[in-house]
Amino acid sequence: MPVTTDKVAHLADRARFVRTETVRLTRIAGAGHYSAVFSCAELFSVLYYAQLRLDPSRPDWPDRDRFVLSKGHAAIGLYPVLADLGFFDPSELDTYTRLGSPFGDHPDMRRIPGVDFSSGSLGHGLSIAAGMALAGRMSGSHHRTYCLLGDGELAEGQIWEAAMSAGHFRLGNLVAIVDANQLGIDGFVRDVMASEPIDGRFAAFGWQTHRVDGHDIPALLELFAGLPAAADGPPQLVVADTVKGKGVARMELSPDWHVGNLVGADYDDVLAELEERA
């Protein structure tokens, strides 16, 4: 499918929607993970509106593509996308983090249609995704499994056990995406626990690797559309070079906004900035 100007504009609009809804929902909760969502807003947009094979009317469709949000603290940006696609009524998000609401700071697959993994503690997602990919191949399903990780999360040893296993079992139906936004909660990844060269490390375990600007929508569309589809082949790694806090100047590559809360004029200023930079 050709990459048209209208399509790119629509996906850019949906990325902005992810950011503005994150700001809105954070005000309901009183705190939220702004910057970790902002770095992957274009990834959410391209995956959910252009790449993943899904049917919101059948959230348990056996042949749907699976999406594992290993960096589960970015769920506040995923929920609006699922609602927008029709997995549930958008008005339900007005209860975000309230007592009894299914929508918490991290996703619950038992309570939220469209969520395939209840992520929370970092480092587990790639193992789950590898298991899903292997199960899919064994059952003859043609679905692909996508897993979104953070670069700071790569310090978890379980990630590398999963990477080694995926390469060994030749899980060609597995796509790992690293949101390389350069920052974790404790500071710059390069200082806390360096993970580069991410692509080189995964390649050593038998993965086919790709590197892309994670905010460049045409480049993302082209890359995802061109990934090989063989179930038996090297697993695919996409390193998306991003900016934590992308879209809001005060948050970009700032260690102060991993968790925060905008109030008063700051809230209005940030929403205005997101609209102006669209």
C-alpha atoms as a PDB file:
ATOM      1  CA  MET A   1       0.000   0.000   0.000  1.00  0.00           C
ATOM      2  CA  PRO A   2       1.524   3.345  -1.021  1.00  0.00           C
ATOM      3  CA  VAL A   3       2.502   5.863   1.631  1.00  0.00           C
ATOM      4  CA  THR A   4       0.336   8.868   0.785  1.00  0.00           C
ATOM      5  CA  THR A   5       0.478  12.351   2.222  1.00  0.00           C
ATOM      6  CA  ASP A   6      -3.019  11.895   3.648  1.00  0.00           C
ATOM      7  CA  LYS A   7      -2.024   8.667   5.371  1.00  0.00           C
ATOM      8  CA  VAL A   8       1.044  10.219   6.941  1.00  0.00           C
ATOM      9  CA  ALA A   9      -1.028  13.206   8.085  1.00  0.00           C
ATOM     10  CA  HIS A  10      -3.612  10.892   9.644  1.00  0.00           C
ATOM     11  CA  LEU A  11      -0.972   8.924  11.508  1.00  0.00           C
ATOM     12  CA  ALA A  12       0.691  12.131  12.712  1.00  0.00           C
ATOM     13  CA  ASP A  13      -2.704  13.260  13.983  1.00  0.00           C
ATOM     14  CA  ARG A  14      -3.135   9.968  15.851  1.00  0.00           C
ATOM     15  CA  ALA A  15       0.317  10.352  17.415  1.00  0.00           C
ATOM     16  CA  ARG A  16      -0.707  13.813  18.614  1.00  0.00           C
ATOM     17  CA  PHE A  17      -3.919  12.250  19.937  1.00  0.00           C
ATOM     18  CA  VAL A  18      -1.840   9.782  21.970  1.00  0.00           C
ATOM     19  CA  ARG A  19       0.067  12.675  23.522  1.00  0.00           C
ATOM     20  CA  THR A  20      -2.927  14.897  24.264  1.00  0.00           C
ATOM     21  CA  GLU A  21      -4.925  12.028  25.755  1.00  0.00           C
ATOM     22  CA  THR A  22      -1.953  11.128  27.932  1.00  0.00           C
ATOM     23  CA  VAL A  23      -1.953  14.681  29.272  1.00  0.00           C
ATOM     24  CA  ARG A  24      -5.704  14.526  29.906  1.00  0.00           C
ATOM     25  CA  LEU A  25      -5.673  11.152  31.622  1.00  0.00           C
ATOM     26  CA  THR A  26      -2.718  12.123  33.778  1.00  0.00           C
ATOM     27  CA  ARG A  27      -4.760  15.002  35.178  1.00  0.00           C
ATOM     28  CA  ILE A  28      -7.488  12.507  36.161  1.00  0.00           C
ATOM     29  CA  ALA A  29      -4.947  10.296  37.934  1.00  0.00           C
ATOM     30  CA  GLY A  30      -2.913  13.111  39.464  1.00  0.00           C
ATOM     31  CA  ALA A  31       0.334  11.705  38.018  1.00  0.00           C
ATOM     32  CA  GLY A  32       1.430   9.897  34.898  1.00  0.00           C
ATOM     33  CA  HIS A  33       4.236   8.775  32.631  1.00  0.00           C
ATOM     34  CA  TYR A  34       4.301  11.583  30.094  1.00  0.00           C
ATOM     35  CA  SER A  35       7.738  11.288  28.558  1.00  0.00           C
ATOM     36  CA  ALA A  36       7.836   7.492  28.151  1.00  0.00           C
ATOM     37  CA  VAL A  37       4.603   7.698  26.149  1.00  0.00           C
ATOM     38  CA  PHE A  38       5.629  10.689  24.075  1.00  0.00           C
ATOM     39  CA  SER A  39       8.719   8.861  22.786  1.00  0.00           C
ATOM     40  CA  CYS A  40       6.626   6.015  21.357  1.00  0.00           C
ATOM     41  CA  ALA A  41       3.546   7.934  20.160  1.00  0.00           C
ATOM     42  CA  GLU A  42       4.464   7.498  16.488  1.00  0.00           C
ATOM     43  CA  LEU A  43       5.159   3.808  17.104  1.00  0.00           C
ATOM     44  CA  PHE A  44       1.696   3.343  18.634  1.00  0.00           C
ATOM     45  CA  SER A  45       0.153   5.215  15.715  1.00  0.00           C
ATOM     46  CA  VAL A  46       1.909   3.315  12.931  1.00  0.00           C
ATOM     47  CA  LEU A  47       1.457  -0.088  14.560  1.00  0.00           C
ATOM     48  CA  TYR A  48      -2.210   0.223  15.481  1.00  0.00           C
ATOM     49  CA  TYR A  49      -3.514   2.264  12.565  1.00  0.00           C
ATOM     50  CA  ALA A  50      -1.415   0.775   9.761  1.00  0.00           C
ATOM     51  CA  GLN A  51       0.382  -2.437  10.678  1.00  0.00           C
ATOM     52  CA  LEU A  52      -1.253  -4.753  13.210  1.00  0.00           C
ATOM     53  CA  ARG A  53      -3.888  -7.197  12.007  1.00  0.00           C
ATOM     54  CA  LEU A  54      -6.728  -6.721  14.498  1.00  0.00           C
ATOM     55  CA  ASP A  55     -10.513  -6.889  14.748  1.00  0.00           C
ATOM     56  CA  PRO A  56     -11.901  -4.761  17.601  1.00  0.00           C
ATOM     57  CA  SER A  57     -15.238  -6.587  17.349  1.00  0.00           C
ATOM     58  CA  ARG A  58     -13.371  -9.828  18.084  1.00  0.00           C
ATOM     59  CA  PRO A  59     -10.619  -9.005  20.583  1.00  0.00           C
ATOM     60  CA  ASP A  60      -9.926 -12.720  21.084  1.00  0.00           C
ATOM     61  CA  TRP A  61      -9.696 -13.543  17.357  1.00  0.00           C
ATOM     62  CA  PRO A  62      -7.149 -16.405  17.274  1.00  0.00           C
ATOM     63  CA  ASP A  63      -5.321 -15.123  14.187  1.00  0.00           C
ATOM     64  CA  ARG A  64      -4.967 -11.522  15.366  1.00  0.00           C
ATOM     65  CA  ASP A  65      -1.486 -10.101  15.682  1.00  0.00           C
ATOM     66  CA  ARG A  66      -0.323  -9.919  19.281  1.00  0.00           C
ATOM     67  CA  PHE A  67       1.120  -6.792  20.850  1.00  0.00           C
ATOM     68  CA  VAL A  68       3.089  -7.047  24.083  1.00  0.00           C
ATOM     69  CA  LEU A  69       3.731  -3.725  25.805  1.00  0.00           C
ATOM     70  CA  SER A  70       6.764  -4.702  27.821  1.00  0.00           C
ATOM     71  CA  LYS A  71       7.288  -1.072  28.919  1.00  0.00           C
ATOM     72  CA  GLY A  72       3.915  -1.273  30.632  1.00  0.00           C
ATOM     73  CA  HIS A  73       4.097   2.193  32.181  1.00  0.00           C
ATOM     74  CA  ALA A  74       3.269   3.545  28.702  1.00  0.00           C
ATOM     75  CA  ALA A  75      -0.219   2.009  28.911  1.00  0.00           C
ATOM     76  CA  ILE A  76      -1.755   5.436  29.493  1.00  0.00           C
ATOM     77  CA  GLY A  77      -0.933   6.167  25.836  1.00  0.00           C
ATOM     78  CA  LEU A  78      -2.184   2.802  24.568  1.00  0.00           C
ATOM     79  CA  TYR A  79      -5.644   2.931  26.158  1.00  0.00           C
ATOM     80  CA  PRO A  80      -6.873   5.879  24.045  1.00  0.00           C
ATOM     81  CA  VAL A  81      -5.788   4.069  20.865  1.00  0.00           C
ATOM     82  CA  LEU A  82      -7.716   0.933  21.807  1.00  0.00           C
ATOM     83  CA  ALA A  83     -10.788   3.035  22.583  1.00  0.00           C
ATOM     84  CA  ASP A  84     -10.436   4.978  19.340  1.00  0.00           C
ATOM     85  CA  LEU A  85     -10.323   1.723  17.378  1.00  0.00           C
ATOM     86  CA  GLY A  86     -13.502   0.457  19.040  1.00  0.00           C
ATOM     87  CA  PHE A  87     -12.293  -2.101  21.573  1.00  0.00           C
ATOM     88  CA  PHE A  88     -14.354  -0.266  24.223  1.00  0.00           C
ATOM     89  CA  ASP A  89     -16.258   2.986  24.654  1.00  0.00           C
ATOM     90  CA  PRO A  90     -13.923   5.989  24.956  1.00  0.00           C
ATOM     91  CA  SER A  91     -16.022   7.358  27.825  1.00  0.00           C
ATOM     92  CA  GLU A  92     -14.761   4.488  29.994  1.00  0.00           C
ATOM     93  CA  LEU A  93     -11.365   6.186  30.100  1.00  0.00           C
ATOM     94  CA  ASP A  94     -12.849   8.946  32.251  1.00  0.00           C
ATOM     95  CA  THR A  95     -12.532   6.462  35.137  1.00  0.00           C
ATOM     96  CA  TYR A  96      -8.773   6.051  34.622  1.00  0.00           C
ATOM     97  CA  THR A  97      -7.130   4.866  37.883  1.00  0.00           C
ATOM     98  CA  ARG A  98     -10.333   5.457  39.875  1.00  0.00           C
ATOM     99  CA  LEU A  99     -11.413   2.770  42.346  1.00  0.00           C
ATOM    100  CA  GLY A 100     -12.941  -0.152  40.453  1.00  0.00           C
ATOM    101  CA  SER A 101     -11.777   1.037  37.026  1.00  0.00           C
ATOM    102  CA  PRO A 102     -10.171  -1.573  34.739  1.00  0.00           C
ATOM    103  CA  PHE A 103      -7.703   1.078  33.581  1.00  0.00           C
ATOM    104  CA  GLY A 104      -4.725   1.251  35.879  1.00  0.00           C
ATOM    105  CA  ASP A 105      -1.219   2.609  35.540  1.00  0.00           C
ATOM    106  CA  HIS A 106      -0.289  -0.732  33.947  1.00  0.00           C
ATOM    107  CA  PRO A 107      -2.562  -2.801  31.676  1.00  0.00           C
ATOM    108  CA  ASP A 108      -4.644  -5.776  32.818  1.00  0.00           C
ATOM    109  CA  MET A 109      -5.363  -8.287  30.045  1.00  0.00           C
ATOM    110  CA  ARG A 110      -8.169  -9.841  32.101  1.00  0.00           C
ATOM    111  CA  ARG A 111     -10.175  -6.613  32.166  1.00  0.00           C
ATOM    112  CA  ILE A 112      -9.290  -4.599  29.052  1.00  0.00           C
ATOM    113  CA  PRO A 113     -10.260  -5.804  25.564  1.00  0.00           C
ATOM    114  CA  GLY A 114      -7.353  -5.558  23.144  1.00  0.00           C
ATOM    115  CA  VAL A 115      -4.626  -6.020  25.763  1.00  0.00           C
ATOM    116  CA  ASP A 116      -2.598  -9.208  25.292  1.00  0.00           C
ATOM    117  CA  PHE A 117      -0.276  -8.994  28.305  1.00  0.00           C
ATOM    118  CA  SER A 118      -0.568  -7.666  31.854  1.00  0.00           C
ATOM    119  CA  SER A 119       2.741  -5.864  32.039  1.00  0.00           C
ATOM    120  CA  GLY A 120       4.094  -4.161  35.120  1.00  0.00           C
ATOM    121  CA  SER A 121       7.551  -5.088  36.336  1.00  0.00           C
ATOM    122  CA  LEU A 122       9.974  -4.435  33.495  1.00  0.00           C
ATOM    123  CA  GLY A 123      11.869  -7.146  31.649  1.00  0.00           C
ATOM    124  CA  HIS A 124       9.184  -9.806  31.192  1.00  0.00           C
ATOM    125  CA  GLY A 125       7.644  -8.837  27.875  1.00  0.00           C
ATOM    126  CA  LEU A 126      10.123 -10.310  25.430  1.00  0.00           C
ATOM    127  CA  SER A 127       9.916 -13.718  27.103  1.00  0.00           C
ATOM    128  CA  ILE A 128       6.121 -13.625  26.874  1.00  0.00           C
ATOM    129  CA  ALA A 129       6.277 -12.490  23.258  1.00  0.00           C
ATOM    130  CA  ALA A 130       8.717 -15.260  22.340  1.00  0.00           C
ATOM    131  CA  GLY A 131       6.357 -17.791  23.890  1.00  0.00           C
ATOM    132  CA  MET A 132       3.423 -16.370  21.917  1.00  0.00           C
ATOM    133  CA  ALA A 133       5.413 -16.497  18.694  1.00  0.00           C
ATOM    134  CA  LEU A 134       6.515 -20.083  19.284  1.00  0.00           C
ATOM    135  CA  ALA A 135       2.976 -21.144  20.208  1.00  0.00           C
ATOM    136  CA  GLY A 136       1.644 -19.472  17.083  1.00  0.00           C
ATOM    137  CA  ARG A 137       4.050 -21.332  14.861  1.00  0.00           C
ATOM    138  CA  MET A 138       3.332 -24.657  16.561  1.00  0.00           C
ATOM    139  CA  SER A 139      -0.437 -24.180  16.171  1.00  0.00           C
ATOM    140  CA  GLY A 140      -0.164 -23.149  12.519  1.00  0.00           C
ATOM    141  CA  SER A 141      -1.430 -19.623  13.143  1.00  0.00           C
ATOM    142  CA  HIS A 142      -0.203 -16.891  10.807  1.00  0.00           C
ATOM    143  CA  HIS A 143      -0.215 -14.125  13.383  1.00  0.00           C
ATOM    144  CA  ARG A 144       2.861 -12.070  14.264  1.00  0.00           C
ATOM    145  CA  THR A 145       3.855 -11.026  17.729  1.00  0.00           C
ATOM    146  CA  TYR A 146       5.191  -7.522  18.338  1.00  0.00           C
ATOM    147  CA  CYS A 147       6.902  -6.519  21.577  1.00  0.00           C
ATOM    148  CA  LEU A 148       7.690  -2.920  22.553  1.00  0.00           C
ATOM    149  CA  LEU A 149      10.556  -2.487  25.008  1.00  0.00           C
ATOM    150  CA  GLY A 150      12.431   0.456  26.437  1.00  0.00           C
ATOM    151  CA  ASP A 151      16.187   0.828  26.109  1.00  0.00           C
ATOM    152  CA  GLY A 152      16.557   1.216  29.870  1.00  0.00           C
ATOM    153  CA  GLU A 153      14.649  -2.031  30.265  1.00  0.00           C
ATOM    154  CA  LEU A 154      17.420  -3.887  28.435  1.00  0.00           C
ATOM    155  CA  ALA A 155      19.395  -3.963  31.682  1.00  0.00           C
ATOM    156  CA  GLU A 156      17.112  -6.830  32.762  1.00  0.00           C
ATOM    157  CA  GLY A 157      18.880 -10.178  32.321  1.00  0.00           C
ATOM    158  CA  GLN A 158      15.680 -11.959  31.330  1.00  0.00           C
ATOM    159  CA  ILE A 159      15.616  -9.858  28.148  1.00  0.00           C
ATOM    160  CA  TRP A 160      18.833 -11.457  26.975  1.00  0.00           C
ATOM    161  CA  GLU A 161      17.699 -14.985  27.822  1.00  0.00           C
ATOM    162  CA  ALA A 162      14.622 -14.333  25.681  1.00  0.00           C
ATOM    163  CA  ALA A 163      16.738 -12.837  22.892  1.00  0.00           C
ATOM    164  CA  MET A 164      18.957 -15.918  22.882  1.00  0.00           C
ATOM    165  CA  SER A 165      15.951 -18.261  22.857  1.00  0.00           C
ATOM    166  CA  ALA A 166      14.209 -16.399  20.023  1.00  0.00           C
ATOM    167  CA  GLY A 167      17.321 -16.616  17.899  1.00  0.00           C
ATOM    168  CA  HIS A 168      17.788 -20.300  18.690  1.00  0.00           C
ATOM    169  CA  PHE A 169      14.194 -21.198  17.796  1.00  0.00           C
ATOM    170  CA  ARG A 170      14.263 -18.968  14.692  1.00  0.00           C
ATOM    171  CA  LEU A 171      11.097 -17.101  15.607  1.00  0.00           C
ATOM    172  CA  GLY A 172      10.662 -15.209  12.371  1.00  0.00           C
ATOM    173  CA  ASN A 173       7.124 -14.260  13.423  1.00  0.00           C
ATOM    174  CA  LEU A 174       8.488 -12.212  16.344  1.00  0.00           C
ATOM    175  CA  VAL A 175       9.206  -8.480  16.038  1.00  0.00           C
ATOM    176  CA  ALA A 176      10.886  -6.747  18.976  1.00  0.00           C
ATOM    177  CA  ILE A 177      10.863  -2.956  18.936  1.00  0.00           C
ATOM    178  CA  VAL A 178      13.171  -1.037  21.248  1.00  0.00           C
ATOM    179  CA  ASP A 179      12.032   2.491  22.013  1.00  0.00           C
ATOM    180  CA  ALA A 180      15.566   3.856  22.362  1.00  0.00           C
ATOM    181  CA  ASN A 181      14.552   7.122  24.004  1.00  0.00           C
ATOM    182  CA  GLN A 182      17.883   7.457  25.843  1.00  0.00           C
ATOM    183  CA  LEU A 183      16.502   7.934  29.365  1.00  0.00           C
ATOM    184  CA  GLY A 184      15.282   5.769  32.211  1.00  0.00           C
ATOM    185  CA  ILE A 185      13.842   6.771  35.547  1.00  0.00           C
ATOM    186  CA  ASP A 186      17.363   7.034  37.034  1.00  0.00           C
ATOM    187  CA  GLY A 187      18.925   9.085  34.239  1.00  0.00           C
ATOM    188  CA  PHE A 188      20.562   8.552  30.872  1.00  0.00           C
ATOM    189  CA  VAL A 189      20.774   4.904  29.862  1.00  0.00           C
ATOM    190  CA  ARG A 190      24.369   5.355  28.749  1.00  0.00           C
ATOM    191  CA  ASP A 191      25.296   6.265  32.336  1.00  0.00           C
ATOM    192  CA  VAL A 192      23.076   3.869  34.290  1.00  0.00           C
ATOM    193  CA  MET A 193      23.693   0.716  32.223  1.00  0.00           C
ATOM    194  CA  ALA A 194      24.836   1.216  28.645  1.00  0.00           C
ATOM    195  CA  SER A 195      22.912  -0.892  26.117  1.00  0.00           C
ATOM    196  CA  GLU A 196      24.476   0.196  22.826  1.00  0.00           C
ATOM    197  CA  PRO A 197      25.052  -1.123  20.281  1.00  0.00           C
ATOM    198  CA  ILE A 198      21.557  -2.549  20.744  1.00  0.00           C
ATOM    199  CA  ASP A 199      21.345  -3.829  17.183  1.00  0.00           C
ATOM    200  CA  GLY A 200      24.793  -5.435  17.410  1.00  0.00           C
ATOM    201  CA  ARG A 201      23.945  -7.247  20.631  1.00  0.00           C
ATOM    202  CA  PHE A 202      20.734  -8.704  19.228  1.00  0.00           C
ATOM    203  CA  ALA A 203      22.487  -9.618  15.985  1.00  0.00           C
ATOM    204  CA  ALA A 204      24.930 -11.705  18.018  1.00  0.00           C
ATOM    205  CA  PHE A 205      21.946 -13.814  19.125  1.00  0.00           C
ATOM    206  CA  GLY A 206      20.815 -14.401  15.539  1.00  0.00           C
ATOM    207  CA  TRP A 207      18.336 -11.568  15.048  1.00  0.00           C
ATOM    208  CA  GLN A 208      17.923  -9.582  11.839  1.00  0.00           C
ATOM    209  CA  THR A 209      18.239  -5.969  12.912  1.00  0.00           C
ATOM    210  CA  HIS A 210      16.961  -2.632  11.623  1.00  0.00           C
ATOM    211  CA  ARG A 211      17.457   0.920  12.854  1.00  0.00           C
ATOM    212  CA  VAL A 212      15.061   3.807  12.192  1.00  0.00           C
ATOM    213  CA  ASP A 213      14.075   7.267  13.385  1.00  0.00           C
ATOM    214  CA  GLY A 214      11.159   6.373  15.664  1.00  0.00           C
ATOM    215  CA  HIS A 215       9.413   9.699  14.978  1.00  0.00           C
ATOM    216  CA  ASP A 216       9.655   9.452  11.160  1.00  0.00           C
ATOM    217  CA  ILE A 217       6.266   8.062  10.140  1.00  0.00           C
ATOM    218  CA  PRO A 218       7.071   7.351   6.443  1.00  0.00           C
ATOM    219  CA  ALA A 219      10.273   5.557   7.474  1.00  0.00           C
ATOM    220  CA  LEU A 220       8.392   3.491  10.051  1.00  0.00           C
ATOM    221  CA  LEU A 221       5.701   2.546   7.533  1.00  0.00           C
ATOM    222  CA  GLU A 222       8.286   1.464   4.985  1.00  0.00           C
ATOM    223  CA  LEU A 223      10.279  -0.544   7.508  1.00  0.00           C
ATOM    224  CA  PHE A 224       7.356  -2.439   9.033  1.00  0.00           C
ATOM    225  CA  ALA A 225       5.820  -3.164   5.626  1.00  0.00           C
ATOM    226  CA  GLY A 226       9.106  -4.642   4.425  1.00  0.00           C
ATOM    227  CA  LEU A 227       9.785  -7.008   7.326  1.00  0.00           C
ATOM    228  CA  PRO A 228      10.019 -10.646   6.175  1.00  0.00           C
ATOM    229  CA  ALA A 229       6.998 -12.741   7.110  1.00  0.00           C
ATOM    230  CA  ALA A 230       8.487 -16.241   7.389  1.00  0.00           C
ATOM    231  CA  ALA A 231       7.528 -17.971  10.654  1.00  0.00           C
ATOM    232  CA  ASP A 232      10.788 -19.941  10.539  1.00  0.00           C
ATOM    233  CA  GLY A 233      13.618 -17.461  10.174  1.00  0.00           C
ATOM    234  CA  PRO A 234      15.559 -14.906  12.173  1.00  0.00           C
ATOM    235  CA  PRO A 235      13.481 -12.865  14.622  1.00  0.00           C
ATOM    236  CA  GLN A 236      13.260  -9.193  13.710  1.00  0.00           C
ATOM    237  CA  LEU A 237      14.574  -6.323  15.819  1.00  0.00           C
ATOM    238  CA  VAL A 238      13.647  -2.699  15.200  1.00  0.00           C
ATOM    239  CA  VAL A 239      15.687  -0.136  17.123  1.00  0.00           C
ATOM    240  CA  ALA A 240      13.618   3.054  17.047  1.00  0.00           C
ATOM    241  CA  ASP A 241      15.814   6.034  17.894  1.00  0.00           C
ATOM    242  CA  THR A 242      13.537   8.410  19.777  1.00  0.00           C
ATOM    243  CA  VAL A 243      13.530  11.360  22.158  1.00  0.00           C
ATOM    244  CA  LYS A 244      12.007  10.866  25.571  1.00  0.00           C
ATOM    245  CA  GLY A 245       9.326  13.509  26.031  1.00  0.00           C
ATOM    246  CA  LYS A 246       9.119  14.208  22.275  1.00  0.00           C
ATOM    247  CA  GLY A 247       6.660  16.956  21.412  1.00  0.00           C
ATOM    248  CA  VAL A 248       6.933  19.055  24.583  1.00  0.00           C
ATOM    249  CA  ALA A 249      10.082  21.160  24.848  1.00  0.00           C
ATOM    250  CA  ARG A 250      10.299  21.150  28.649  1.00  0.00           C
ATOM    251  CA  MET A 251      10.122  17.333  28.694  1.00  0.00           C
ATOM    252  CA  GLU A 252      12.433  16.415  25.832  1.00  0.00           C
ATOM    253  CA  LEU A 253      15.434  14.483  27.215  1.00  0.00           C
ATOM    254  CA  SER A 254      14.658  15.776  30.693  1.00  0.00           C
ATOM    255  CA  PRO A 255      15.127  13.336  33.579  1.00  0.00           C
ATOM    256  CA  ASP A 256      12.482  15.238  35.560  1.00  0.00           C
ATOM    257  CA  TRP A 257       9.398  14.090  33.642  1.00  0.00           C
ATOM    258  CA  HIS A 258       9.443  10.291  33.815  1.00  0.00           C
ATOM    259  CA  VAL A 259       6.478  10.718  36.160  1.00  0.00           C
ATOM    260  CA  GLY A 260       4.815  14.069  36.649  1.00  0.00           C
ATOM    261  CA  ASN A 261       1.624  16.081  36.807  1.00  0.00           C
ATOM    262  CA  LEU A 262       0.807  19.242  34.907  1.00  0.00           C
ATOM    263  CA  VAL A 263      -1.519  21.668  36.654  1.00  0.00           C
ATOM    264  CA  GLY A 264      -2.973  25.091  35.986  1.00  0.00           C
ATOM    265  CA  ALA A 265      -1.360  27.159  33.259  1.00  0.00           C
ATOM    266  CA  ASP A 266       1.294  24.475  32.661  1.00  0.00           C
ATOM    267  CA  TYR A 267      -1.435  22.032  31.630  1.00  0.00           C
ATOM    268  CA  ASP A 268      -2.929  24.511  29.171  1.00  0.00           C
ATOM    269  CA  ASP A 269       0.490  25.516  27.830  1.00  0.00           C
ATOM    270  CA  VAL A 270       1.496  21.932  27.079  1.00  0.00           C
ATOM    271  CA  LEU A 271      -1.759  21.142  25.266  1.00  0.00           C
ATOM    272  CA  ALA A 272      -1.338  24.327  23.214  1.00  0.00           C
ATOM    273  CA  GLU A 273       2.242  23.369  22.387  1.00  0.00           C
ATOM    274  CA  LEU A 274       1.180  19.915  21.204  1.00  0.00           C
ATOM    275  CA  GLU A 275      -1.425  21.461  18.922  1.00  0.00           C
ATOM    276  CA  GLU A 276       1.013  24.040  17.554  1.00  0.00           C
ATOM    277  CA  ARG A 277       3.763  21.475  16.844  1.00  0.00           C
ATOM    278  CA  ALA A 278       1.449  19.102  15.004  1.00  0.00           C
END
